[in-house]
N, C-alpha and C. Protein backbone atom coordinates (compact mmCIF):
# COMPACT_ATOMS: atom_id res chain seq x y z
N MET A 1 -74.81 -50.41 -235.30
CA MET A 1 -74.10 -49.71 -236.24
C MET A 1 -75.02 -49.70 -237.74
N THR A 2 -74.60 -49.03 -238.39
CA THR A 2 -75.61 -48.78 -239.98
C THR A 2 -74.56 -49.45 -240.55
N GLU A 3 -74.96 -50.01 -241.77
CA GLU A 3 -74.03 -50.35 -243.20
C GLU A 3 -73.24 -49.38 -243.36
N GLU A 4 -73.36 -47.87 -243.44
CA GLU A 4 -72.60 -46.88 -243.94
C GLU A 4 -71.58 -47.01 -242.84
N SER A 5 -71.56 -46.94 -241.64
CA SER A 5 -70.73 -46.87 -240.92
C SER A 5 -69.82 -47.80 -240.42
N ILE A 6 -70.24 -49.42 -240.88
CA ILE A 6 -69.70 -50.47 -240.72
C ILE A 6 -68.36 -49.99 -241.67
N ALA A 7 -69.05 -49.58 -243.02
CA ALA A 7 -67.66 -49.77 -244.19
C ALA A 7 -66.85 -48.67 -243.96
N GLY A 8 -66.88 -47.38 -243.28
CA GLY A 8 -66.32 -46.62 -242.95
C GLY A 8 -65.53 -46.19 -241.12
N GLU A 9 -65.40 -47.51 -240.85
CA GLU A 9 -64.87 -47.66 -239.76
C GLU A 9 -62.93 -47.89 -240.08
N PRO A 10 -62.15 -47.46 -238.97
CA PRO A 10 -61.18 -47.84 -239.70
C PRO A 10 -60.85 -49.20 -238.78
N PRO A 11 -59.59 -49.68 -239.27
CA PRO A 11 -59.07 -51.30 -238.92
C PRO A 11 -58.94 -50.98 -237.41
N ILE A 12 -58.98 -52.37 -236.68
CA ILE A 12 -58.52 -52.25 -235.11
C ILE A 12 -57.69 -53.12 -235.25
N ALA A 13 -56.55 -52.75 -234.54
CA ALA A 13 -55.07 -53.63 -234.89
C ALA A 13 -54.81 -53.90 -232.80
N PHE A 14 -54.17 -55.02 -232.59
CA PHE A 14 -53.37 -54.95 -231.37
C PHE A 14 -52.14 -56.00 -231.58
N ALA A 15 -51.16 -55.63 -230.67
CA ALA A 15 -50.37 -56.62 -230.66
C ALA A 15 -49.56 -57.16 -229.28
N SER A 16 -49.28 -58.22 -229.16
CA SER A 16 -48.93 -58.88 -227.78
C SER A 16 -47.88 -59.50 -227.70
N LEU A 17 -47.15 -59.24 -226.59
CA LEU A 17 -46.10 -60.71 -226.11
C LEU A 17 -46.80 -61.57 -225.43
N ARG A 18 -46.55 -63.08 -225.95
CA ARG A 18 -47.44 -63.89 -225.35
C ARG A 18 -46.52 -65.15 -224.82
N VAL A 19 -46.55 -65.48 -223.54
CA VAL A 19 -45.62 -66.32 -223.10
C VAL A 19 -46.44 -67.75 -222.47
N MET A 20 -46.02 -68.57 -222.95
CA MET A 20 -47.37 -69.89 -222.60
C MET A 20 -46.32 -71.02 -222.45
N GLY A 21 -47.28 -71.69 -221.44
CA GLY A 21 -46.37 -72.81 -220.62
C GLY A 21 -46.85 -73.67 -219.56
N THR A 22 -46.20 -74.41 -218.97
CA THR A 22 -46.79 -74.62 -217.87
C THR A 22 -45.95 -74.80 -216.41
N GLY A 23 -46.57 -74.53 -215.20
CA GLY A 23 -46.44 -73.81 -214.14
C GLY A 23 -45.61 -72.51 -213.99
N LEU A 24 -45.78 -71.58 -215.16
CA LEU A 24 -45.18 -70.19 -215.26
C LEU A 24 -44.88 -69.64 -214.15
N ASP A 25 -43.78 -68.72 -213.60
CA ASP A 25 -43.50 -67.88 -212.40
C ASP A 25 -44.24 -66.90 -213.41
N PHE A 26 -45.27 -66.17 -213.09
CA PHE A 26 -46.04 -65.41 -213.41
C PHE A 26 -45.21 -63.96 -212.56
N GLU A 27 -44.75 -64.26 -211.29
CA GLU A 27 -44.40 -62.98 -210.43
C GLU A 27 -43.22 -62.63 -211.05
N GLY A 28 -42.42 -63.93 -211.44
CA GLY A 28 -40.79 -63.91 -211.93
C GLY A 28 -40.87 -63.29 -213.24
N ILE A 29 -41.70 -63.60 -213.98
CA ILE A 29 -41.69 -62.75 -215.59
C ILE A 29 -41.73 -61.36 -215.21
N SER A 30 -43.21 -61.22 -214.50
CA SER A 30 -43.04 -59.53 -214.31
C SER A 30 -41.94 -58.77 -213.90
N SER A 31 -41.74 -59.45 -212.64
CA SER A 31 -40.26 -58.87 -212.32
C SER A 31 -39.18 -59.03 -212.93
N SER A 32 -38.72 -59.77 -213.56
CA SER A 32 -37.73 -59.81 -214.79
C SER A 32 -37.93 -58.65 -215.92
N LEU A 33 -39.00 -58.43 -216.06
CA LEU A 33 -39.25 -57.32 -217.33
C LEU A 33 -39.58 -56.21 -216.81
N GLY A 34 -40.14 -55.95 -215.53
CA GLY A 34 -40.24 -54.85 -214.94
C GLY A 34 -41.70 -54.03 -215.64
N LEU A 35 -42.28 -55.21 -216.39
CA LEU A 35 -43.74 -54.75 -216.76
C LEU A 35 -45.12 -55.64 -215.73
N SER A 36 -46.13 -55.06 -215.90
CA SER A 36 -46.99 -55.81 -215.78
C SER A 36 -47.94 -56.52 -216.64
N PRO A 37 -48.52 -57.78 -216.53
CA PRO A 37 -49.43 -58.13 -217.66
C PRO A 37 -50.38 -57.98 -218.19
N THR A 38 -50.69 -57.47 -219.01
CA THR A 38 -52.25 -57.28 -219.60
C THR A 38 -53.43 -58.54 -218.74
N VAL A 39 -52.81 -59.83 -219.25
CA VAL A 39 -53.81 -60.71 -218.76
C VAL A 39 -52.83 -61.90 -218.34
N THR A 40 -53.08 -62.86 -217.27
CA THR A 40 -52.32 -64.08 -216.77
C THR A 40 -53.91 -64.72 -216.95
N ARG A 41 -53.26 -65.88 -217.57
CA ARG A 41 -54.47 -67.24 -216.87
C ARG A 41 -53.35 -68.51 -216.81
N ARG A 42 -54.37 -69.54 -215.96
CA ARG A 42 -53.58 -70.44 -215.68
C ARG A 42 -54.43 -71.73 -216.12
N ALA A 43 -53.52 -72.91 -216.89
CA ALA A 43 -54.15 -73.74 -217.47
C ALA A 43 -55.64 -74.37 -216.62
N GLY A 44 -56.42 -74.55 -217.57
CA GLY A 44 -57.96 -74.88 -216.89
C GLY A 44 -58.73 -73.56 -216.51
N ASP A 45 -58.36 -72.59 -216.66
CA ASP A 45 -59.14 -71.23 -216.63
C ASP A 45 -60.14 -71.48 -217.44
N ARG A 46 -61.41 -70.87 -216.92
CA ARG A 46 -62.68 -70.99 -218.37
C ARG A 46 -62.14 -69.84 -218.90
N THR A 47 -62.53 -69.49 -220.07
CA THR A 47 -62.42 -68.44 -221.23
C THR A 47 -63.54 -68.42 -222.08
N ALA A 48 -63.81 -67.85 -223.02
CA ALA A 48 -64.93 -67.58 -223.58
C ALA A 48 -64.93 -68.89 -224.53
N LEU A 49 -63.64 -69.37 -224.83
CA LEU A 49 -63.56 -70.22 -226.03
C LEU A 49 -63.34 -71.53 -225.09
N GLY A 50 -63.48 -71.34 -223.88
CA GLY A 50 -63.27 -72.96 -223.12
C GLY A 50 -62.40 -72.91 -222.12
N ALA A 51 -61.75 -74.17 -221.69
CA ALA A 51 -60.54 -74.01 -220.67
C ALA A 51 -59.16 -73.62 -221.55
N GLN A 52 -58.53 -72.53 -220.51
CA GLN A 52 -57.32 -72.52 -221.32
C GLN A 52 -56.49 -73.57 -221.24
N PRO A 53 -55.73 -73.91 -222.13
CA PRO A 53 -54.53 -75.04 -222.44
C PRO A 53 -53.80 -74.89 -221.85
N THR A 54 -53.05 -73.87 -221.49
CA THR A 54 -51.76 -73.85 -220.70
C THR A 54 -51.46 -72.39 -220.04
N ASP A 55 -50.89 -72.63 -218.69
CA ASP A 55 -50.61 -70.80 -218.36
C ASP A 55 -50.37 -69.83 -219.42
N ILE A 56 -50.47 -68.76 -219.24
CA ILE A 56 -50.45 -67.60 -220.25
C ILE A 56 -50.27 -66.46 -219.24
N TRP A 57 -48.73 -65.91 -219.90
CA TRP A 57 -48.54 -64.24 -219.50
C TRP A 57 -48.76 -63.30 -220.75
N LEU A 58 -49.60 -62.42 -220.68
CA LEU A 58 -49.70 -61.56 -221.51
C LEU A 58 -49.94 -60.45 -221.95
N LEU A 59 -48.67 -59.73 -222.87
CA LEU A 59 -48.64 -58.10 -222.41
C LEU A 59 -49.19 -57.15 -223.51
N GLU A 60 -50.25 -56.77 -223.92
CA GLU A 60 -51.00 -56.29 -225.15
C GLU A 60 -50.40 -54.76 -224.94
N SER A 61 -50.12 -54.35 -226.24
CA SER A 61 -49.63 -53.07 -226.28
C SER A 61 -50.64 -52.21 -226.07
N PRO A 62 -50.87 -51.00 -225.13
CA PRO A 62 -51.37 -50.35 -224.61
C PRO A 62 -52.34 -49.09 -225.38
N LEU A 63 -51.63 -49.01 -226.57
CA LEU A 63 -52.03 -47.84 -227.63
C LEU A 63 -53.65 -48.23 -227.89
N ASP A 64 -54.09 -47.37 -228.28
CA ASP A 64 -55.79 -47.22 -228.88
C ASP A 64 -55.85 -48.17 -230.35
N LYS A 65 -56.70 -48.98 -230.08
CA LYS A 65 -56.68 -50.10 -230.66
C LYS A 65 -57.19 -49.53 -232.54
N LYS A 66 -57.21 -48.03 -232.32
CA LYS A 66 -57.14 -47.81 -233.98
C LYS A 66 -56.07 -47.06 -234.45
N GLU A 67 -55.15 -47.09 -233.56
CA GLU A 67 -53.73 -47.16 -234.46
C GLU A 67 -53.42 -48.08 -235.36
N PRO A 68 -52.81 -47.96 -235.98
CA PRO A 68 -51.97 -49.09 -237.13
C PRO A 68 -51.13 -50.05 -236.04
N LEU A 69 -51.41 -51.34 -236.73
CA LEU A 69 -50.64 -52.47 -236.15
C LEU A 69 -49.24 -51.73 -236.07
N GLU A 70 -48.71 -51.49 -237.07
CA GLU A 70 -47.35 -50.87 -237.02
C GLU A 70 -47.19 -49.94 -235.87
N ALA A 71 -48.05 -49.43 -235.51
CA ALA A 71 -47.38 -48.23 -234.32
C ALA A 71 -47.48 -49.21 -232.84
N HIS A 72 -48.46 -50.62 -233.08
CA HIS A 72 -48.15 -51.42 -231.84
C HIS A 72 -47.05 -52.25 -231.82
N LEU A 73 -46.45 -52.52 -233.12
CA LEU A 73 -45.20 -53.33 -233.25
C LEU A 73 -44.22 -52.27 -232.35
N LYS A 74 -44.16 -51.42 -232.70
CA LYS A 74 -42.91 -50.41 -232.57
C LYS A 74 -43.05 -50.10 -231.13
N TRP A 75 -44.15 -50.01 -230.31
CA TRP A 75 -44.45 -49.85 -229.03
C TRP A 75 -43.62 -51.23 -228.45
N LEU A 76 -44.18 -52.19 -228.91
CA LEU A 76 -43.91 -53.81 -228.33
C LEU A 76 -42.21 -53.88 -228.22
N ARG A 77 -41.78 -53.24 -229.66
CA ARG A 77 -40.18 -53.58 -229.97
C ARG A 77 -39.31 -52.29 -228.58
N ALA A 78 -39.99 -51.15 -228.46
CA ALA A 78 -39.36 -50.62 -227.38
C ALA A 78 -39.51 -50.84 -226.33
N THR A 79 -40.90 -51.47 -226.06
CA THR A 79 -40.77 -51.92 -224.67
C THR A 79 -39.92 -52.98 -224.48
N LEU A 80 -39.97 -54.15 -225.48
CA LEU A 80 -39.31 -55.33 -224.87
C LEU A 80 -37.70 -55.38 -225.24
N MET A 81 -37.30 -54.69 -225.86
CA MET A 81 -35.49 -54.67 -226.32
C MET A 81 -34.89 -54.84 -225.18
N PRO A 82 -34.96 -53.85 -224.30
CA PRO A 82 -34.00 -54.24 -223.09
C PRO A 82 -33.85 -55.75 -222.36
N HIS A 83 -34.99 -56.21 -222.95
CA HIS A 83 -35.42 -57.52 -221.70
C HIS A 83 -35.44 -58.83 -222.85
N TYR A 84 -34.79 -58.50 -223.98
CA TYR A 84 -34.70 -59.72 -224.97
C TYR A 84 -34.13 -60.57 -224.86
N GLN A 85 -32.75 -60.66 -223.79
CA GLN A 85 -31.98 -61.71 -223.66
C GLN A 85 -32.72 -62.63 -222.76
N PHE A 86 -33.66 -61.85 -221.44
CA PHE A 86 -34.55 -62.75 -220.69
C PHE A 86 -35.38 -63.36 -221.25
N ILE A 87 -36.25 -62.90 -222.44
CA ILE A 87 -37.12 -62.97 -223.19
C ILE A 87 -36.91 -64.59 -223.88
N LEU A 88 -35.73 -64.47 -224.81
CA LEU A 88 -35.14 -65.73 -224.97
C LEU A 88 -34.57 -66.69 -224.51
N SER A 89 -34.21 -66.42 -222.90
CA SER A 89 -33.94 -67.54 -222.40
C SER A 89 -34.78 -68.54 -221.50
N MET A 90 -36.07 -67.83 -221.74
CA MET A 90 -37.67 -68.59 -221.37
C MET A 90 -38.18 -69.60 -222.50
N ARG A 91 -37.33 -69.56 -223.57
CA ARG A 91 -37.67 -70.30 -224.59
C ARG A 91 -37.56 -72.15 -224.13
N PRO A 92 -36.62 -71.94 -223.62
CA PRO A 92 -36.66 -73.53 -223.37
C PRO A 92 -37.59 -74.24 -222.46
N LYS A 93 -38.38 -73.33 -221.58
CA LYS A 93 -39.36 -73.55 -220.64
C LYS A 93 -40.91 -73.28 -221.35
N ALA A 94 -40.91 -72.66 -222.18
CA ALA A 94 -41.98 -71.83 -222.58
C ALA A 94 -42.29 -71.37 -224.11
N ARG A 95 -43.38 -71.46 -224.62
CA ARG A 95 -43.56 -70.66 -226.10
C ARG A 95 -43.69 -69.23 -226.01
N VAL A 96 -42.73 -68.76 -226.64
CA VAL A 96 -42.64 -66.97 -226.62
C VAL A 96 -43.44 -66.62 -227.98
N ASP A 97 -43.76 -65.97 -227.97
CA ASP A 97 -44.13 -65.20 -229.61
C ASP A 97 -45.17 -64.00 -229.55
N ILE A 98 -45.26 -63.27 -230.79
CA ILE A 98 -45.74 -62.00 -231.02
C ILE A 98 -47.14 -62.35 -231.63
N TYR A 99 -48.37 -61.83 -230.97
CA TYR A 99 -49.52 -62.36 -231.41
C TYR A 99 -50.17 -61.17 -231.74
N CYS A 100 -50.95 -60.96 -233.39
CA CYS A 100 -51.21 -59.54 -233.57
C CYS A 100 -52.57 -59.98 -233.89
N GLY A 101 -53.44 -58.65 -234.32
CA GLY A 101 -54.72 -59.03 -234.69
C GLY A 101 -55.22 -57.76 -235.57
N LEU A 102 -56.27 -58.02 -236.33
CA LEU A 102 -56.46 -57.15 -237.21
C LEU A 102 -58.64 -57.30 -237.41
N THR A 103 -59.00 -56.27 -237.20
CA THR A 103 -60.46 -56.53 -237.55
C THR A 103 -60.58 -55.46 -238.52
N LEU A 104 -61.35 -55.90 -239.61
CA LEU A 104 -61.13 -55.07 -241.03
C LEU A 104 -62.77 -54.93 -241.04
N TYR A 105 -63.31 -53.77 -241.94
CA TYR A 105 -64.72 -53.60 -241.96
C TYR A 105 -64.83 -53.19 -243.58
N ARG A 106 -64.10 -53.68 -244.71
CA ARG A 106 -64.43 -53.81 -245.92
C ARG A 106 -63.84 -55.04 -246.45
N GLU A 107 -64.63 -55.14 -247.90
CA GLU A 107 -64.55 -56.61 -248.56
C GLU A 107 -62.89 -56.91 -248.82
N GLN A 108 -62.31 -55.81 -248.93
CA GLN A 108 -60.93 -55.78 -249.63
C GLN A 108 -60.11 -54.92 -249.05
N ASN A 109 -58.93 -55.66 -248.26
CA ASN A 109 -58.03 -54.76 -247.72
C ASN A 109 -56.80 -55.05 -247.82
N GLY A 110 -55.84 -54.17 -247.11
CA GLY A 110 -54.02 -54.62 -247.19
C GLY A 110 -53.64 -54.71 -246.36
N LEU A 111 -52.52 -54.82 -246.13
CA LEU A 111 -51.57 -54.75 -244.95
C LEU A 111 -49.93 -54.34 -245.62
N GLN A 112 -49.53 -53.18 -244.76
CA GLN A 112 -47.84 -52.90 -245.46
C GLN A 112 -47.54 -52.61 -243.83
N LEU A 113 -45.75 -52.99 -243.85
CA LEU A 113 -45.78 -53.09 -242.36
C LEU A 113 -44.31 -52.56 -242.72
N ALA A 114 -43.99 -51.49 -242.43
CA ALA A 114 -42.69 -50.84 -242.68
C ALA A 114 -41.10 -51.69 -242.04
N PRO A 115 -40.14 -52.07 -242.71
CA PRO A 115 -39.14 -52.80 -241.97
C PRO A 115 -38.71 -52.67 -240.53
N GLU A 116 -38.77 -51.64 -240.13
CA GLU A 116 -38.75 -51.36 -238.70
C GLU A 116 -39.73 -51.85 -237.49
N ALA A 117 -40.91 -51.99 -238.05
CA ALA A 117 -41.86 -53.18 -237.55
C ALA A 117 -41.72 -54.44 -237.44
N LEU A 118 -40.97 -54.80 -238.76
CA LEU A 118 -40.79 -56.18 -238.47
C LEU A 118 -39.42 -56.78 -238.14
N LYS A 119 -38.80 -55.71 -237.47
CA LYS A 119 -37.36 -56.22 -236.90
C LYS A 119 -37.77 -57.01 -235.56
N LEU A 120 -38.63 -56.84 -234.83
CA LEU A 120 -39.04 -57.50 -233.52
C LEU A 120 -39.07 -58.99 -233.92
N PHE A 121 -39.61 -59.41 -234.78
CA PHE A 121 -39.79 -60.58 -235.40
C PHE A 121 -38.52 -61.79 -235.47
N VAL A 122 -37.45 -60.65 -236.19
CA VAL A 122 -36.11 -61.18 -236.21
C VAL A 122 -35.56 -61.18 -235.22
N GLU A 123 -35.43 -59.94 -234.28
CA GLU A 123 -34.54 -60.11 -233.07
C GLU A 123 -34.83 -61.19 -232.39
N LEU A 124 -36.52 -61.56 -232.02
CA LEU A 124 -36.76 -62.82 -230.92
C LEU A 124 -36.97 -63.32 -232.00
N ASP A 125 -36.53 -63.66 -233.35
CA ASP A 125 -36.60 -64.95 -234.00
C ASP A 125 -37.81 -65.61 -233.67
N THR A 126 -39.27 -64.91 -234.00
CA THR A 126 -40.41 -65.51 -233.86
C THR A 126 -41.19 -64.97 -234.89
N PRO A 127 -41.77 -66.07 -235.49
CA PRO A 127 -42.62 -65.95 -236.99
C PRO A 127 -43.92 -64.95 -236.15
N LEU A 128 -44.45 -63.94 -237.66
CA LEU A 128 -45.32 -63.20 -237.38
C LEU A 128 -46.37 -63.87 -237.55
N ASP A 129 -47.44 -63.64 -236.96
CA ASP A 129 -48.86 -64.57 -236.60
C ASP A 129 -49.76 -63.56 -236.51
N ILE A 130 -50.63 -63.17 -237.39
CA ILE A 130 -51.80 -62.09 -237.25
C ILE A 130 -53.10 -63.05 -237.50
N SER A 131 -53.62 -62.81 -236.81
CA SER A 131 -55.21 -63.52 -236.72
C SER A 131 -56.25 -61.78 -237.53
N ILE A 132 -57.05 -62.33 -238.39
CA ILE A 132 -57.56 -61.49 -239.29
C ILE A 132 -58.79 -61.54 -238.99
N LEU A 133 -59.68 -60.61 -238.68
CA LEU A 133 -61.63 -60.80 -238.72
C LEU A 133 -61.88 -59.47 -239.68
N ALA A 134 -62.63 -59.96 -240.70
CA ALA A 134 -63.40 -59.07 -241.73
C ALA A 134 -64.58 -58.95 -241.34
N ILE A 135 -65.59 -58.07 -240.84
CA ILE A 135 -66.58 -57.84 -240.47
C ILE A 135 -67.30 -57.15 -241.85
N LEU A 136 -68.30 -57.61 -242.67
CA LEU A 136 -68.82 -57.03 -243.60
C LEU A 136 -70.17 -56.53 -243.63
N PRO A 137 -70.63 -55.31 -244.34
CA PRO A 137 -72.05 -55.03 -243.44
C PRO A 137 -72.90 -56.49 -244.48
N ASP A 138 -74.01 -55.96 -244.06
CA ASP A 138 -75.37 -56.95 -244.42
C ASP A 138 -75.54 -56.93 -246.25
């Protein structure tokens, strides 16, 4: 990629539901939600960052990563809303959160989310967790 194309690239975004814990019943979670996970890993599995510390069941928004973060959050909310009671019931045995990421290609950036996109965090009583990576031209 040239310097000009990096600076002109739109942000890349994702949002996912993560369920983390010990001895997670992956099939039970999938069955109860009626959803197939994007990724499952067992504690100790090797990843690019080393050994996976806990079991993880992850559902990532299938939208194009060039869609704004808000679109990914709205998809997650619409998909998960019918299953809120089950998701909340996992809390005593597992850590459940919404994990978001942004990759930005300019030195100065901003983030704005409509209240509707933030409802997911309130309804599931989970903090907003965003990983932000800025890739700047040389």
